[in-house]
Amino acid sequence: MGVEKGYNRITLAPDAVLTEGGRWTQPLMVAVKIPLLLLLTLIVCALALYILNLAFGMKLHFAPSMTLMLFALAGTGVMLVVFAPIALLFTVVTTSYHFMKIMHVIVFGISGLFGARILYEGLINIQAPEGDEPQAGAAPGHANLVLFSWLLLYCLVGAQLAWTLKPFLGTPYLPATPPFRLDKGNIFVSTIESFRGIKPAE
């Protein structure tokens, strides 16, 4: 065992064989962790999201703004479920931990974009004058500013909370994956290092 670039490093003998017991424990924990992550991020950001909406002139009350965010999170959750079989396929055929991490970051990004579209359309409909139909593709008033500020804040906080609630993929080469691994660091540095850690097949 040792330390490399601030992370613990474990070097195994060529003949070492480790298998993780309770292979279904981690997927079941992730099924609980992901909804917890989405809701916990919303709770942490709730007051800031409400104030940002007031600051940019939308003037939504607290309950409608939170309801809108919950609808967007529901859409994100649906897309994550859609991608679950694809993630399962790559889990079976791929042994690269760094590839799996990057793939999951991309899947969460695409799912988040779907949720962002729901949020965007909700903001447009809320801001449209009563009795008027919102114009397709239009972004009246301050909806764009509110959307951008909400997404930026939610993504930054959510990404760091995901790091705090890790592991989601499991721990490579360890016989037992802990339910949480509360250590220092941040998701952004880790993701950059994972890009560097992906090696082409020889």
Protein backbone atom coordinates (compact mmCIF):
# COMPACT_ATOMS: atom_id res chain seq x y z
CA MET A 1 0.00 0.00 0.00
CA GLY A 2 1.12 3.54 -0.65
CA VAL A 3 0.02 7.02 -1.68
CA GLU A 4 0.06 8.34 -5.24
CA LYS A 5 -1.13 11.85 -6.21
CA GLY A 6 -2.92 12.15 -2.88
CA TYR A 7 -4.84 8.88 -3.27
CA ASN A 8 -4.28 5.54 -1.59
CA ARG A 9 -2.62 3.02 -3.92
CA ILE A 10 -2.76 -0.76 -3.52
CA THR A 11 -0.42 -3.00 -5.49
CA LEU A 12 -1.41 -6.65 -5.72
CA ALA A 13 0.78 -9.65 -6.42
CA PRO A 14 0.24 -11.12 -9.91
CA ASP A 15 -1.38 -14.23 -8.44
CA ALA A 16 -3.68 -12.34 -6.03
CA VAL A 17 -7.39 -13.00 -6.52
CA LEU A 18 -9.98 -10.87 -4.77
CA THR A 19 -13.71 -11.15 -5.24
CA GLU A 20 -16.27 -8.92 -3.62
CA GLY A 21 -18.91 -10.61 -1.50
CA GLY A 22 -22.55 -9.59 -1.79
CA ARG A 23 -22.40 -8.50 -5.44
CA TRP A 24 -25.94 -7.11 -5.33
CA THR A 25 -25.36 -4.97 -2.27
CA GLN A 26 -23.74 -2.13 -4.21
CA PRO A 27 -26.45 -1.84 -6.93
CA LEU A 28 -29.15 -1.79 -4.24
CA MET A 29 -27.30 0.95 -2.36
CA VAL A 30 -26.94 2.98 -5.56
CA ALA A 31 -30.70 2.64 -6.17
CA VAL A 32 -31.17 4.45 -2.84
CA LYS A 33 -28.24 6.84 -3.19
CA ILE A 34 -29.24 8.42 -6.52
CA PRO A 35 -32.73 9.63 -5.43
CA LEU A 36 -31.12 10.73 -2.15
CA LEU A 37 -28.49 12.65 -4.10
CA LEU A 38 -31.06 14.47 -6.26
CA LEU A 39 -33.31 15.40 -3.32
CA LEU A 40 -30.48 16.30 -0.96
CA THR A 41 -29.00 18.62 -3.58
CA LEU A 42 -32.37 20.32 -3.98
CA ILE A 43 -32.70 20.75 -0.21
CA VAL A 44 -29.22 22.27 0.07
CA CYS A 45 -29.86 24.63 -2.88
CA ALA A 46 -33.53 25.41 -2.21
CA LEU A 47 -33.14 28.81 -0.55
CA ALA A 48 -30.46 29.95 -3.01
CA LEU A 49 -32.60 28.86 -5.98
CA TYR A 50 -35.54 30.82 -4.63
CA ILE A 51 -33.49 33.97 -4.05
CA LEU A 52 -31.92 33.73 -7.53
CA ASN A 53 -35.37 33.55 -9.08
CA LEU A 54 -36.32 36.76 -7.25
CA ALA A 55 -33.02 38.44 -8.13
CA PHE A 56 -33.54 37.84 -11.86
CA GLY A 57 -37.12 39.09 -11.83
CA MET A 58 -39.15 35.89 -12.16
CA LYS A 59 -40.82 36.47 -8.76
CA LEU A 60 -41.95 32.86 -8.36
CA HIS A 61 -43.20 31.89 -4.93
CA PHE A 62 -41.19 29.29 -3.05
CA ALA A 63 -43.64 26.38 -3.49
CA PRO A 64 -44.05 26.74 -7.29
CA SER A 65 -40.29 27.06 -7.82
CA MET A 66 -39.60 23.91 -5.79
CA THR A 67 -42.43 22.05 -7.59
CA LEU A 68 -40.87 22.99 -10.91
CA MET A 69 -37.50 21.67 -9.76
CA LEU A 70 -39.11 18.41 -8.59
CA PHE A 71 -40.67 17.89 -12.03
CA ALA A 72 -37.26 18.45 -13.62
CA LEU A 73 -35.67 15.95 -11.22
CA ALA A 74 -38.39 13.42 -12.05
CA GLY A 75 -37.52 13.78 -15.74
CA THR A 76 -33.84 13.32 -14.94
CA GLY A 77 -34.66 10.19 -12.95
CA VAL A 78 -36.66 8.71 -15.84
CA MET A 79 -33.70 9.18 -18.20
CA LEU A 80 -31.34 7.55 -15.70
CA VAL A 81 -33.64 4.51 -15.61
CA VAL A 82 -33.62 4.42 -19.42
CA PHE A 83 -29.81 4.32 -19.43
CA ALA A 84 -29.61 1.61 -16.73
CA PRO A 85 -29.54 -1.37 -19.18
CA ILE A 86 -26.73 0.30 -21.14
CA ALA A 87 -24.72 0.84 -17.97
CA LEU A 88 -25.33 -2.81 -17.04
CA LEU A 89 -24.05 -3.96 -20.44
CA PHE A 90 -20.79 -2.02 -20.09
CA THR A 91 -20.42 -3.22 -16.51
CA VAL A 92 -20.41 -6.79 -17.79
CA VAL A 93 -18.07 -6.29 -20.78
CA THR A 94 -15.70 -3.62 -19.43
CA THR A 95 -13.04 -3.89 -16.76
CA SER A 96 -11.79 -0.27 -16.94
CA TYR A 97 -12.83 1.61 -13.81
CA HIS A 98 -11.91 4.98 -15.34
CA PHE A 99 -13.99 4.29 -18.46
CA MET A 100 -17.00 3.36 -16.34
CA LYS A 101 -16.62 6.52 -14.27
CA ILE A 102 -16.49 8.75 -17.37
CA MET A 103 -19.41 6.89 -18.95
CA HIS A 104 -21.55 7.48 -15.86
CA VAL A 105 -20.61 11.17 -15.81
CA ILE A 106 -21.80 11.40 -19.45
CA VAL A 107 -25.02 9.50 -18.68
CA PHE A 108 -25.79 11.83 -15.78
CA GLY A 109 -25.02 14.81 -18.03
CA ILE A 110 -27.44 13.67 -20.75
CA SER A 111 -30.13 12.91 -18.16
CA GLY A 112 -29.57 16.31 -16.60
CA LEU A 113 -30.08 17.99 -19.99
CA PHE A 114 -33.44 16.24 -20.31
CA GLY A 115 -34.42 17.52 -16.87
CA ALA A 116 -33.17 21.00 -17.85
CA ARG A 117 -35.49 21.03 -20.84
CA ILE A 118 -38.46 20.27 -18.59
CA LEU A 119 -37.32 23.06 -16.27
CA TYR A 120 -36.93 25.47 -19.19
CA GLU A 121 -40.39 24.75 -20.57
CA GLY A 122 -41.87 25.12 -17.09
CA LEU A 123 -40.26 28.54 -16.65
CA ILE A 124 -41.55 29.66 -20.06
CA ASN A 125 -45.10 28.49 -19.28
CA ILE A 126 -45.09 30.13 -15.87
CA GLN A 127 -43.86 33.44 -17.27
CA ALA A 128 -46.31 33.50 -20.20
CA PRO A 129 -49.16 36.01 -19.58
CA GLU A 130 -52.42 34.41 -18.49
CA GLY A 131 -54.45 33.29 -21.51
CA ASP A 132 -51.49 33.55 -23.90
CA GLU A 133 -49.77 30.60 -25.50
CA PRO A 134 -45.98 30.57 -25.02
CA GLN A 135 -44.14 30.85 -28.32
CA ALA A 136 -42.21 27.76 -29.34
CA GLY A 137 -38.48 28.29 -28.96
CA ALA A 138 -38.94 31.68 -27.34
CA ALA A 139 -37.32 32.69 -24.09
CA PRO A 140 -39.37 35.64 -22.80
CA GLY A 141 -38.21 37.81 -19.94
CA HIS A 142 -35.63 36.50 -17.52
CA ALA A 143 -36.31 32.77 -17.91
CA ASN A 144 -32.91 32.12 -19.49
CA LEU A 145 -31.04 33.85 -16.68
CA VAL A 146 -32.98 31.96 -14.01
CA LEU A 147 -32.49 28.66 -15.83
CA PHE A 148 -28.72 29.18 -16.23
CA SER A 149 -28.21 30.25 -12.62
CA TRP A 150 -30.31 27.36 -11.26
CA LEU A 151 -28.54 24.77 -13.39
CA LEU A 152 -25.06 26.09 -12.60
CA LEU A 153 -25.69 26.09 -8.86
CA TYR A 154 -27.46 22.72 -8.83
CA CYS A 155 -24.78 21.03 -10.95
CA LEU A 156 -21.89 22.35 -8.85
CA VAL A 157 -23.49 21.37 -5.54
CA GLY A 158 -24.85 18.07 -6.90
CA ALA A 159 -21.49 17.01 -8.33
CA GLN A 160 -19.75 17.60 -5.01
CA LEU A 161 -22.49 15.84 -3.05
CA ALA A 162 -22.12 12.88 -5.43
CA TRP A 163 -18.46 12.78 -4.46
CA THR A 164 -19.45 12.87 -0.79
CA LEU A 165 -21.93 9.99 -1.19
CA LYS A 166 -19.50 7.81 -3.16
CA PRO A 167 -18.82 5.07 -4.02
CA PHE A 168 -21.38 4.48 -6.77
CA LEU A 169 -19.35 2.08 -8.92
CA GLY A 170 -17.61 0.16 -6.17
CA THR A 171 -13.96 0.07 -5.18
CA PRO A 172 -11.59 -1.60 -7.64
CA TYR A 173 -9.45 -4.44 -6.25
CA LEU A 174 -10.97 -4.31 -2.77
CA PRO A 175 -12.92 -7.27 -1.36
CA ALA A 176 -15.46 -5.07 0.46
CA THR A 177 -16.94 -1.78 -0.77
CA PRO A 178 -17.86 0.59 2.07
CA PRO A 179 -21.31 2.23 1.93
CA PHE A 180 -19.69 5.69 2.08
CA ARG A 181 -16.14 6.87 1.66
CA LEU A 182 -16.05 10.29 3.29
CA ASP A 183 -12.67 11.69 2.41
CA LYS A 184 -11.25 14.94 1.09
CA GLY A 185 -11.06 15.99 -2.54
CA ASN A 186 -13.58 17.02 -5.17
CA ILE A 187 -15.32 15.48 -8.17
CA PHE A 188 -13.85 17.86 -10.73
CA VAL A 189 -10.22 16.98 -10.02
CA SER A 190 -11.12 13.28 -9.88
CA THR A 191 -12.88 13.41 -13.27
CA ILE A 192 -9.87 15.07 -14.93
CA GLU A 193 -7.60 12.40 -13.47
CA SER A 194 -9.92 9.68 -14.78
CA PHE A 195 -9.64 11.11 -18.31
CA ARG A 196 -5.88 10.85 -17.95
CA GLY A 197 -6.20 7.32 -16.56
CA ILE A 198 -8.02 5.89 -19.60
CA LYS A 199 -5.50 3.93 -21.66
CA PRO A 200 -6.15 2.63 -25.18
CA ALA A 201 -6.31 -1.12 -25.58
CA GLU A 202 -3.05 -2.67 -26.74
